[in-house]
Amino acid sequence: YVTMARLKGASRWRVVTRHALPNAVAPIVNVVALNIAWLI
């Protein structure tokens, strides 16, 4: 779906923020929570 968005002419920033980032939230949230736990 990211490749399709690129073929439709979407900019790289739009592809990253609107298509890639929402689907990469799970591992990011996990590492953020683990690091916040480490902060405490």
PDB file of all heavy atoms in Angstrom:
ATOM      1  N   TYR A   1       0.821  -1.208   0.000  1.00  0.00           N
ATOM      2  CA  TYR A   1       0.000   0.000   0.000  1.00  0.00           C
ATOM      3  C   TYR A   1       0.859   1.264   0.000  1.00  0.00           C
ATOM      4  O   TYR A   1       0.454   2.306  -0.508  1.00  0.00           O
ATOM      5  CB  TYR A   1      -0.958   0.017   1.188  1.00  0.00           C
ATOM      6  CG  TYR A   1      -0.315  -0.086   2.544  1.00  0.00           C
ATOM      7  CD1 TYR A   1       0.147   1.037   3.206  1.00  0.00           C
ATOM      8  CD2 TYR A   1      -0.174  -1.317   3.177  1.00  0.00           C
ATOM      9  CE1 TYR A   1       0.745   0.948   4.454  1.00  0.00           C
ATOM     10  CE2 TYR A   1       0.416  -1.414   4.429  1.00  0.00           C
ATOM     11  CZ  TYR A   1       0.862  -0.289   5.062  1.00  0.00           C
ATOM     12  OH  TYR A   1       1.451  -0.376   6.287  1.00  0.00           O
ATOM     13  N   VAL A   2       2.067   1.179   0.551  1.00  0.00           N
ATOM     14  CA  VAL A   2       2.983   2.309   0.492  1.00  0.00           C
ATOM     15  C   VAL A   2       3.494   2.484  -0.935  1.00  0.00           C
ATOM     16  O   VAL A   2       3.587   3.607  -1.449  1.00  0.00           O
ATOM     17  CB  VAL A   2       4.154   2.111   1.470  1.00  0.00           C
ATOM     18  CG1 VAL A   2       5.205   3.218   1.301  1.00  0.00           C
ATOM     19  CG2 VAL A   2       3.649   2.084   2.903  1.00  0.00           C
ATOM     20  N   THR A   3       3.801   1.370  -1.578  1.00  0.00           N
ATOM     21  CA  THR A   3       4.221   1.440  -2.977  1.00  0.00           C
ATOM     22  C   THR A   3       3.114   2.027  -3.842  1.00  0.00           C
ATOM     23  O   THR A   3       3.373   2.849  -4.742  1.00  0.00           O
ATOM     24  CB  THR A   3       4.597   0.038  -3.486  1.00  0.00           C
ATOM     25  OG1 THR A   3       5.606  -0.525  -2.641  1.00  0.00           O
ATOM     26  CG2 THR A   3       5.095   0.096  -4.913  1.00  0.00           C
ATOM     27  N   MET A   4       1.860   1.631  -3.599  1.00  0.00           N
ATOM     28  CA  MET A   4       0.734   2.169  -4.355  1.00  0.00           C
ATOM     29  C   MET A   4       0.599   3.675  -4.139  1.00  0.00           C
ATOM     30  O   MET A   4       0.330   4.430  -5.084  1.00  0.00           O
ATOM     31  CB  MET A   4      -0.547   1.466  -3.935  1.00  0.00           C
ATOM     32  CG  MET A   4      -1.790   1.932  -4.684  1.00  0.00           C
ATOM     33  SD  MET A   4      -1.692   1.629  -6.465  1.00  0.00           S
ATOM     34  CE  MET A   4      -1.763  -0.166  -6.478  1.00  0.00           C
ATOM     35  N   ALA A   5       0.793   4.124  -2.883  1.00  0.00           N
ATOM     36  CA  ALA A   5       0.706   5.563  -2.605  1.00  0.00           C
ATOM     37  C   ALA A   5       1.795   6.323  -3.350  1.00  0.00           C
ATOM     38  O   ALA A   5       1.559   7.427  -3.856  1.00  0.00           O
ATOM     39  CB  ALA A   5       0.819   5.801  -1.102  1.00  0.00           C
ATOM     40  N   ARG A   6       2.978   5.726  -3.441  1.00  0.00           N
ATOM     41  CA  ARG A   6       4.049   6.383  -4.190  1.00  0.00           C
ATOM     42  C   ARG A   6       3.710   6.461  -5.677  1.00  0.00           C
ATOM     43  O   ARG A   6       3.943   7.481  -6.337  1.00  0.00           O
ATOM     44  CB  ARG A   6       5.358   5.607  -4.003  1.00  0.00           C
ATOM     45  CG  ARG A   6       6.019   5.787  -2.654  1.00  0.00           C
ATOM     46  CD  ARG A   6       7.289   4.957  -2.600  1.00  0.00           C
ATOM     47  NE  ARG A   6       8.021   5.161  -1.362  1.00  0.00           N
ATOM     48  CZ  ARG A   6       9.106   4.470  -1.028  1.00  0.00           C
ATOM     49  NH1 ARG A   6       9.574   3.537  -1.866  1.00  0.00           N
ATOM     50  NH2 ARG A   6       9.714   4.713   0.104  1.00  0.00           N
ATOM     51  N   LEU A   7       3.147   5.372  -6.220  1.00  0.00           N
ATOM     52  CA  LEU A   7       2.790   5.354  -7.634  1.00  0.00           C
ATOM     53  C   LEU A   7       1.706   6.373  -7.957  1.00  0.00           C
ATOM     54  O   LEU A   7       1.618   6.861  -9.093  1.00  0.00           O
ATOM     55  CB  LEU A   7       2.313   3.952  -8.037  1.00  0.00           C
ATOM     56  CG  LEU A   7       3.392   2.853  -8.022  1.00  0.00           C
ATOM     57  CD1 LEU A   7       2.783   1.497  -8.329  1.00  0.00           C
ATOM     58  CD2 LEU A   7       4.502   3.175  -9.013  1.00  0.00           C
ATOM     59  N   LYS A   8       0.880   6.695  -6.964  1.00  0.00           N
ATOM     60  CA  LYS A   8      -0.163   7.710  -7.167  1.00  0.00           C
ATOM     61  C   LYS A   8       0.379   9.125  -7.078  1.00  0.00           C
ATOM     62  O   LYS A   8      -0.374  10.087  -7.254  1.00  0.00           O
ATOM     63  CB  LYS A   8      -1.279   7.522  -6.134  1.00  0.00           C
ATOM     64  CG  LYS A   8      -2.129   6.280  -6.379  1.00  0.00           C
ATOM     65  CD  LYS A   8      -3.245   6.169  -5.348  1.00  0.00           C
ATOM     66  CE  LYS A   8      -4.135   4.972  -5.627  1.00  0.00           C
ATOM     67  NZ  LYS A   8      -5.238   4.861  -4.629  1.00  0.00           N
ATOM     68  N   GLY A   9       1.679   9.250  -6.784  1.00  0.00           N
ATOM     69  CA  GLY A   9       2.294  10.568  -6.780  1.00  0.00           C
ATOM     70  C   GLY A   9       2.362  11.243  -5.433  1.00  0.00           C
ATOM     71  O   GLY A   9       2.676  12.442  -5.356  1.00  0.00           O
ATOM     72  N   ALA A  10       2.077  10.524  -4.341  1.00  0.00           N
ATOM     73  CA  ALA A  10       2.157  11.129  -3.011  1.00  0.00           C
ATOM     74  C   ALA A  10       3.612  11.445  -2.663  1.00  0.00           C
ATOM     75  O   ALA A  10       4.533  10.710  -3.038  1.00  0.00           O
ATOM     76  CB  ALA A  10       1.572  10.185  -1.960  1.00  0.00           C
ATOM     77  N   SER A  11       3.827  12.564  -1.987  1.00  0.00           N
ATOM     78  CA  SER A  11       5.179  12.950  -1.593  1.00  0.00           C
ATOM     79  C   SER A  11       5.716  11.984  -0.545  1.00  0.00           C
ATOM     80  O   SER A  11       4.958  11.288   0.131  1.00  0.00           O
ATOM     81  CB  SER A  11       5.171  14.371  -1.024  1.00  0.00           C
ATOM     82  OG  SER A  11       4.425  14.418   0.188  1.00  0.00           O
ATOM     83  N   ARG A  12       7.048  11.947  -0.418  1.00  0.00           N
ATOM     84  CA  ARG A  12       7.662  11.032   0.544  1.00  0.00           C
ATOM     85  C   ARG A  12       7.217  11.362   1.965  1.00  0.00           C
ATOM     86  O   ARG A  12       6.960  10.459   2.767  1.00  0.00           O
ATOM     87  CB  ARG A  12       9.192  11.114   0.449  1.00  0.00           C
ATOM     88  CG  ARG A  12       9.759  10.440  -0.791  1.00  0.00           C
ATOM     89  CD  ARG A  12      11.282  10.509  -0.783  1.00  0.00           C
ATOM     90  NE  ARG A  12      11.855   9.823   0.356  1.00  0.00           N
ATOM     91  CZ  ARG A  12      12.089   8.515   0.413  1.00  0.00           C
ATOM     92  NH1 ARG A  12      11.759   7.753  -0.617  1.00  0.00           N
ATOM     93  NH2 ARG A  12      12.648   7.982   1.478  1.00  0.00           N
ATOM     94  N   TRP A  13       7.112  12.645   2.315  1.00  0.00           N
ATOM     95  CA  TRP A  13       6.688  13.020   3.659  1.00  0.00           C
ATOM     96  C   TRP A  13       5.266  12.554   3.931  1.00  0.00           C
ATOM     97  O   TRP A  13       4.954  12.064   5.002  1.00  0.00           O
ATOM     98  CB  TRP A  13       6.817  14.523   3.841  1.00  0.00           C
ATOM     99  CG  TRP A  13       6.414  14.989   5.212  1.00  0.00           C
ATOM    100  CD1 TRP A  13       5.302  15.689   5.550  1.00  0.00           C
ATOM    101  CD2 TRP A  13       7.126  14.756   6.427  1.00  0.00           C
ATOM    102  NE1 TRP A  13       5.260  15.920   6.900  1.00  0.00           N
ATOM    103  CE2 TRP A  13       6.381  15.364   7.473  1.00  0.00           C
ATOM    104  CE3 TRP A  13       8.319  14.113   6.762  1.00  0.00           C
ATOM    105  CZ2 TRP A  13       6.785  15.345   8.793  1.00  0.00           C
ATOM    106  CZ3 TRP A  13       8.719  14.086   8.084  1.00  0.00           C
ATOM    107  CH2 TRP A  13       7.961  14.688   9.085  1.00  0.00           C
ATOM    108  N   ARG A  14       4.361  12.713   2.921  1.00  0.00           N
ATOM    109  CA  ARG A  14       2.976  12.266   3.092  1.00  0.00           C
ATOM    110  C   ARG A  14       2.911  10.742   3.215  1.00  0.00           C
ATOM    111  O   ARG A  14       2.142  10.204   4.010  1.00  0.00           O
ATOM    112  CB  ARG A  14       2.118  12.728   1.917  1.00  0.00           C
ATOM    113  CG  ARG A  14       0.640  12.353   2.055  1.00  0.00           C
ATOM    114  CD  ARG A  14      -0.171  12.880   0.882  1.00  0.00           C
ATOM    115  NE  ARG A  14      -1.562  12.465   0.996  1.00  0.00           N
ATOM    116  CZ  ARG A  14      -2.475  13.099   1.713  1.00  0.00           C
ATOM    117  NH1 ARG A  14      -2.128  14.191   2.400  1.00  0.00           N
ATOM    118  NH2 ARG A  14      -3.719  12.670   1.762  1.00  0.00           N
ATOM    119  N   VAL A  15       3.731  10.050   2.438  1.00  0.00           N
ATOM    120  CA  VAL A  15       3.759   8.585   2.510  1.00  0.00           C
ATOM    121  C   VAL A  15       4.189   8.130   3.901  1.00  0.00           C
ATOM    122  O   VAL A  15       3.597   7.224   4.493  1.00  0.00           O
ATOM    123  CB  VAL A  15       4.700   8.020   1.428  1.00  0.00           C
ATOM    124  CG1 VAL A  15       4.979   6.538   1.685  1.00  0.00           C
ATOM    125  CG2 VAL A  15       4.098   8.202   0.052  1.00  0.00           C
ATOM    126  N   VAL A  16       5.224   8.794   4.452  1.00  0.00           N
ATOM    127  CA  VAL A  16       5.734   8.404   5.755  1.00  0.00           C
ATOM    128  C   VAL A  16       4.727   8.709   6.853  1.00  0.00           C
ATOM    129  O   VAL A  16       4.431   7.867   7.714  1.00  0.00           O
ATOM    130  CB  VAL A  16       7.088   9.107   6.034  1.00  0.00           C
ATOM    131  CG1 VAL A  16       7.498   8.915   7.492  1.00  0.00           C
ATOM    132  CG2 VAL A  16       8.162   8.560   5.122  1.00  0.00           C
ATOM    133  N   THR A  17       4.170   9.948   6.861  1.00  0.00           N
ATOM    134  CA  THR A  17       3.321  10.375   7.976  1.00  0.00           C
ATOM    135  C   THR A  17       1.891   9.843   7.881  1.00  0.00           C
ATOM    136  O   THR A  17       1.254   9.591   8.910  1.00  0.00           O
ATOM    137  CB  THR A  17       3.283  11.906   8.051  1.00  0.00           C
ATOM    138  OG1 THR A  17       2.824  12.444   6.795  1.00  0.00           O
ATOM    139  CG2 THR A  17       4.671  12.460   8.355  1.00  0.00           C
ATOM    140  N   ARG A  18       1.354   9.670   6.668  1.00  0.00           N
ATOM    141  CA  ARG A  18      -0.051   9.279   6.526  1.00  0.00           C
ATOM    142  C   ARG A  18      -0.242   7.785   6.302  1.00  0.00           C
ATOM    143  O   ARG A  18      -1.309   7.239   6.586  1.00  0.00           O
ATOM    144  CB  ARG A  18      -0.687  10.036   5.349  1.00  0.00           C
ATOM    145  CG  ARG A  18      -0.758  11.536   5.523  1.00  0.00           C
ATOM    146  CD  ARG A  18      -1.712  11.927   6.635  1.00  0.00           C
ATOM    147  NE  ARG A  18      -3.067  11.501   6.346  1.00  0.00           N
ATOM    148  CZ  ARG A  18      -3.944  12.224   5.624  1.00  0.00           C
ATOM    149  NH1 ARG A  18      -3.568  13.401   5.133  1.00  0.00           N
ATOM    150  NH2 ARG A  18      -5.165  11.777   5.420  1.00  0.00           N
ATOM    151  N   HIS A  19       0.767   7.106   5.777  1.00  0.00           N
ATOM    152  CA  HIS A  19       0.616   5.683   5.454  1.00  0.00           C
ATOM    153  C   HIS A  19       1.531   4.785   6.292  1.00  0.00           C
ATOM    154  O   HIS A  19       1.083   3.760   6.822  1.00  0.00           O
ATOM    155  CB  HIS A  19       0.884   5.453   3.964  1.00  0.00           C
ATOM    156  CG  HIS A  19      -0.052   6.192   3.061  1.00  0.00           C
ATOM    157  ND1 HIS A  19      -1.320   5.737   2.770  1.00  0.00           N
ATOM    158  CD2 HIS A  19       0.103   7.367   2.394  1.00  0.00           C
ATOM    159  CE1 HIS A  19      -1.924   6.605   1.953  1.00  0.00           C
ATOM    160  NE2 HIS A  19      -1.074   7.596   1.713  1.00  0.00           N
ATOM    161  N   ALA A  20       2.807   5.165   6.416  1.00  0.00           N
ATOM    162  CA  ALA A  20       3.754   4.294   7.125  1.00  0.00           C
ATOM    163  C   ALA A  20       3.637   4.430   8.643  1.00  0.00           C
ATOM    164  O   ALA A  20       3.553   3.427   9.353  1.00  0.00           O
ATOM    165  CB  ALA A  20       5.188   4.602   6.673  1.00  0.00           C
ATOM    166  N   LEU A  21       3.625   5.659   9.146  1.00  0.00           N
ATOM    167  CA  LEU A  21       3.643   5.867  10.590  1.00  0.00           C
ATOM    168  C   LEU A  21       2.445   5.247  11.317  1.00  0.00           C
ATOM    169  O   LEU A  21       2.633   4.569  12.326  1.00  0.00           O
ATOM    170  CB  LEU A  21       3.740   7.360  10.914  1.00  0.00           C
ATOM    171  CG  LEU A  21       3.818   7.721  12.404  1.00  0.00           C
ATOM    172  CD1 LEU A  21       5.035   7.076  13.051  1.00  0.00           C
ATOM    173  CD2 LEU A  21       3.868   9.239  12.586  1.00  0.00           C
ATOM    174  N   PRO A  22       1.177   5.436  10.852  1.00  0.00           N
ATOM    175  CA  PRO A  22       0.060   4.825  11.581  1.00  0.00           C
ATOM    176  C   PRO A  22       0.164   3.312  11.704  1.00  0.00           C
ATOM    177  O   PRO A  22      -0.294   2.730  12.684  1.00  0.00           O
ATOM    178  CB  PRO A  22      -1.167   5.236  10.748  1.00  0.00           C
ATOM    179  CG  PRO A  22      -0.747   6.488  10.055  1.00  0.00           C
ATOM    180  CD  PRO A  22       0.701   6.289   9.744  1.00  0.00           C
ATOM    181  N   ASN A  23       0.770   2.661  10.713  1.00  0.00           N
ATOM    182  CA  ASN A  23       0.892   1.209  10.756  1.00  0.00           C
ATOM    183  C   ASN A  23       2.154   0.751  11.485  1.00  0.00           C
ATOM    184  O   ASN A  23       2.368  -0.450  11.655  1.00  0.00           O
ATOM    185  CB  ASN A  23       0.899   0.652   9.327  1.00  0.00           C
ATOM    186  CG  ASN A  23      -0.455   0.786   8.658  1.00  0.00           C
ATOM    187  OD1 ASN A  23      -1.363   0.006   8.903  1.00  0.00           O
ATOM    188  ND2 ASN A  23      -0.589   1.806   7.825  1.00  0.00           N
ATOM    189  N   ALA A  24       2.995   1.707  11.885  1.00  0.00           N
ATOM    190  CA  ALA A  24       4.195   1.374  12.650  1.00  0.00           C
ATOM    191  C   ALA A  24       4.050   1.783  14.108  1.00  0.00           C
ATOM    192  O   ALA A  24       5.026   1.764  14.860  1.00  0.00           O
ATOM    193  CB  ALA A  24       5.418   2.061  12.035  1.00  0.00           C
ATOM    194  N   VAL A  25       2.825   2.141  14.506  1.00  0.00           N
ATOM    195  CA  VAL A  25       2.608   2.658  15.859  1.00  0.00           C
ATOM    196  C   VAL A  25       2.898   1.603  16.920  1.00  0.00           C
ATOM    197  O   VAL A  25       3.479   1.905  17.972  1.00  0.00           O
ATOM    198  CB  VAL A  25       1.165   3.197  16.002  1.00  0.00           C
ATOM    199  CG1 VAL A  25       0.801   3.376  17.465  1.00  0.00           C
ATOM    200  CG2 VAL A  25       1.024   4.514  15.266  1.00  0.00           C
ATOM    201  N   ALA A  26       2.506   0.350  16.676  1.00  0.00           N
ATOM    202  CA  ALA A  26       2.613  -0.683  17.710  1.00  0.00           C
ATOM    203  C   ALA A  26       4.038  -0.850  18.241  1.00  0.00           C
ATOM    204  O   ALA A  26       4.258  -0.760  19.457  1.00  0.00           O
ATOM    205  CB  ALA A  26       2.074  -2.005  17.188  1.00  0.00           C
ATOM    206  N   PRO A  27       5.051  -1.103  17.396  1.00  0.00           N
ATOM    207  CA  PRO A  27       6.410  -1.236  17.956  1.00  0.00           C
ATOM    208  C   PRO A  27       6.941   0.060  18.543  1.00  0.00           C
ATOM    209  O   PRO A  27       7.700   0.039  19.514  1.00  0.00           O
ATOM    210  CB  PRO A  27       7.252  -1.679  16.749  1.00  0.00           C
ATOM    211  CG  PRO A  27       6.459  -1.296  15.550  1.00  0.00           C
ATOM    212  CD  PRO A  27       5.032  -1.397  15.954  1.00  0.00           C
ATOM    213  N   ILE A  28       6.522   1.208  17.974  1.00  0.00           N
ATOM    214  CA  ILE A  28       6.982   2.485  18.511  1.00  0.00           C
ATOM    215  C   ILE A  28       6.415   2.702  19.912  1.00  0.00           C
ATOM    216  O   ILE A  28       7.128   3.117  20.834  1.00  0.00           O
ATOM    217  CB  ILE A  28       6.574   3.639  17.565  1.00  0.00           C
ATOM    218  CG1 ILE A  28       7.312   3.515  16.235  1.00  0.00           C
ATOM    219  CG2 ILE A  28       6.876   4.988  18.208  1.00  0.00           C
ATOM    220  CD1 ILE A  28       6.857   4.507  15.181  1.00  0.00           C
ATOM    221  N   VAL A  29       5.113   2.420  20.077  1.00  0.00           N
ATOM    222  CA  VAL A  29       4.493   2.588  21.389  1.00  0.00           C
ATOM    223  C   VAL A  29       5.149   1.669  22.417  1.00  0.00           C
ATOM    224  O   VAL A  29       5.389   2.064  23.559  1.00  0.00           O
ATOM    225  CB  VAL A  29       2.980   2.312  21.301  1.00  0.00           C
ATOM    226  CG1 VAL A  29       2.367   2.154  22.689  1.00  0.00           C
ATOM    227  CG2 VAL A  29       2.287   3.433  20.555  1.00  0.00           C
ATOM    228  N   ASN A  30       5.466   0.454  22.009  1.00  0.00           N
ATOM    229  CA  ASN A  30       6.111  -0.479  22.936  1.00  0.00           C
ATOM    230  C   ASN A  30       7.455   0.038  23.411  1.00  0.00           C
ATOM    231  O   ASN A  30       7.758   0.006  24.609  1.00  0.00           O
ATOM    232  CB  ASN A  30       6.288  -1.844  22.254  1.00  0.00           C
ATOM    233  CG  ASN A  30       5.133  -2.778  22.534  1.00  0.00           C
ATOM    234  OD1 ASN A  30       4.843  -3.082  23.680  1.00  0.00           O
ATOM    235  ND2 ASN A  30       4.463  -3.232  21.498  1.00  0.00           N
ATOM    236  N   VAL A  31       8.278   0.524  22.489  1.00  0.00           N
ATOM    237  CA  VAL A  31       9.608   0.981  22.892  1.00  0.00           C
ATOM    238  C   VAL A  31       9.511   2.281  23.681  1.00  0.00           C
ATOM    239  O   VAL A  31      10.298   2.505  24.608  1.00  0.00           O
ATOM    240  CB  VAL A  31      10.526   1.139  21.660  1.00  0.00           C
ATOM    241  CG1 VAL A  31      10.211   2.391  20.862  1.00  0.00           C
ATOM    242  CG2 VAL A  31      11.995   1.144  22.087  1.00  0.00           C
ATOM    243  N   VAL A  32       8.535   3.133  23.363  1.00  0.00           N
ATOM    244  CA  VAL A  32       8.342   4.361  24.138  1.00  0.00           C
ATOM    245  C   VAL A  32       7.941   4.016  25.569  1.00  0.00           C
ATOM    246  O   VAL A  32       8.481   4.565  26.538  1.00  0.00           O
ATOM    247  CB  VAL A  32       7.286   5.268  23.470  1.00  0.00           C
ATOM    248  CG1 VAL A  32       6.837   6.365  24.425  1.00  0.00           C
ATOM    249  CG2 VAL A  32       7.848   5.895  22.198  1.00  0.00           C
ATOM    250  N   ALA A  33       6.979   3.094  25.717  1.00  0.00           N
ATOM    251  CA  ALA A  33       6.531   2.718  27.061  1.00  0.00           C
ATOM    252  C   ALA A  33       7.654   2.058  27.855  1.00  0.00           C
ATOM    253  O   ALA A  33       7.815   2.323  29.058  1.00  0.00           O
ATOM    254  CB  ALA A  33       5.332   1.782  26.974  1.00  0.00           C
ATOM    255  N   LEU A  34       8.441   1.213  27.212  1.00  0.00           N
ATOM    256  CA  LEU A  34       9.561   0.566  27.905  1.00  0.00           C
ATOM    257  C   LEU A  34      10.590   1.591  28.366  1.00  0.00           C
ATOM    258  O   LEU A  34      11.144   1.482  29.464  1.00  0.00           O
ATOM    259  CB  LEU A  34      10.212  -0.472  27.001  1.00  0.00           C
ATOM    260  CG  LEU A  34       9.410  -1.755  26.761  1.00  0.00           C
ATOM    261  CD1 LEU A  34      10.102  -2.628  25.722  1.00  0.00           C
ATOM    262  CD2 LEU A  34       9.241  -2.527  28.060  1.00  0.00           C
ATOM    263  N   ASN A  35      10.839   2.593  27.538  1.00  0.00           N
ATOM    264  CA  ASN A  35      11.819   3.606  27.919  1.00  0.00           C
ATOM    265  C   ASN A  35      11.279   4.538  28.991  1.00  0.00           C
ATOM    266  O   ASN A  35      12.040   5.011  29.842  1.00  0.00           O
ATOM    267  CB  ASN A  35      12.269   4.400  26.690  1.00  0.00           C
ATOM    268  CG  ASN A  35      13.335   3.683  25.884  1.00  0.00           C
ATOM    269  OD1 ASN A  35      14.513   3.754  26.182  1.00  0.00           O
ATOM    270  ND2 ASN A  35      12.909   2.969  24.857  1.00  0.00           N
ATOM    271  N   ILE A  36       9.976   4.813  28.964  1.00  0.00           N
ATOM    272  CA  ILE A  36       9.385   5.601  30.048  1.00  0.00           C
ATOM    273  C   ILE A  36       9.452   4.811  31.362  1.00  0.00           C
ATOM    274  O   ILE A  36       9.725   5.370  32.426  1.00  0.00           O
ATOM    275  CB  ILE A  36       7.941   5.996  29.704  1.00  0.00           C
ATOM    276  CG1 ILE A  36       7.942   7.011  28.555  1.00  0.00           C
ATOM    277  CG2 ILE A  36       7.230   6.582  30.916  1.00  0.00           C
ATOM    278  CD1 ILE A  36       6.559   7.405  28.086  1.00  0.00           C
ATOM    279  N   ALA A  37       9.204   3.500  31.262  1.00  0.00           N
ATOM    280  CA  ALA A  37       9.352   2.663  32.452  1.00  0.00           C
ATOM    281  C   ALA A  37      10.784   2.716  32.969  1.00  0.00           C
ATOM    282  O   ALA A  37      11.023   2.784  34.186  1.00  0.00           O
ATOM    283  CB  ALA A  37       8.952   1.225  32.130  1.00  0.00           C
ATOM    284  N   TRP A  38      11.744   2.698  32.054  1.00  0.00           N
ATOM    285  CA  TRP A  38      13.142   2.796  32.487  1.00  0.00           C
ATOM    286  C   TRP A  38      13.418   4.150  33.114  1.00  0.00           C
ATOM    287  O   TRP A  38      14.193   4.244  34.083  1.00  0.00           O
ATOM    288  CB  TRP A  38      14.083   2.582  31.306  1.00  0.00           C
ATOM    289  CG  TRP A  38      15.521   2.616  31.727  1.00  0.00           C
ATOM    290  CD1 TRP A  38      16.282   1.582  32.173  1.00  0.00           C
ATOM    291  CD2 TRP A  38      16.364   3.777  31.788  1.00  0.00           C
ATOM    292  NE1 TRP A  38      17.544   2.015  32.496  1.00  0.00           N
ATOM    293  CE2 TRP A  38      17.623   3.356  32.267  1.00  0.00           C
ATOM    294  CE3 TRP A  38      16.180   5.118  31.463  1.00  0.00           C
ATOM    295  CZ2 TRP A  38      18.678   4.235  32.438  1.00  0.00           C
ATOM    296  CZ3 TRP A  38      17.228   6.000  31.638  1.00  0.00           C
ATOM    297  CH2 TRP A  38      18.469   5.554  32.123  1.00  0.00           C
ATOM    298  N   LEU A  39      12.790   5.215  32.587  1.00  0.00           N
ATOM    299  CA  LEU A  39      12.991   6.539  33.159  1.00  0.00           C
ATOM    300  C   LEU A  39      12.612   6.558  34.636  1.00  0.00           C
ATOM    301  O   LEU A  39      13.235   7.242  35.449  1.00  0.00           O
ATOM    302  CB  LEU A  39      12.160   7.578  32.401  1.00  0.00           C
ATOM    303  CG  LEU A  39      12.672   8.013  31.026  1.00  0.00           C
ATOM    304  CD1 LEU A  39      11.675   8.954  30.370  1.00  0.00           C
ATOM    305  CD2 LEU A  39      14.036   8.667  31.126  1.00  0.00           C
ATOM    306  N   ILE A  40      11.558   5.812  34.977  1.00  0.00           N
ATOM    307  CA  ILE A  40      11.090   5.801  36.356  1.00  0.00           C
ATOM    308  C   ILE A  40      11.894   4.826  37.213  1.00  0.00           C
ATOM    309  O   ILE A  40      12.262   5.121  38.350  1.00  0.00           O
ATOM    310  CB  ILE A  40       9.591   5.456  36.402  1.00  0.00           C
ATOM    311  CG1 ILE A  40       8.791   6.530  35.649  1.00  0.00           C
ATOM    312  CG2 ILE A  40       9.095   5.339  37.848  1.00  0.00           C
ATOM    313  CD1 ILE A  40       7.325   6.191  35.482  1.00  0.00           C
TER     314      ILE A  40
END
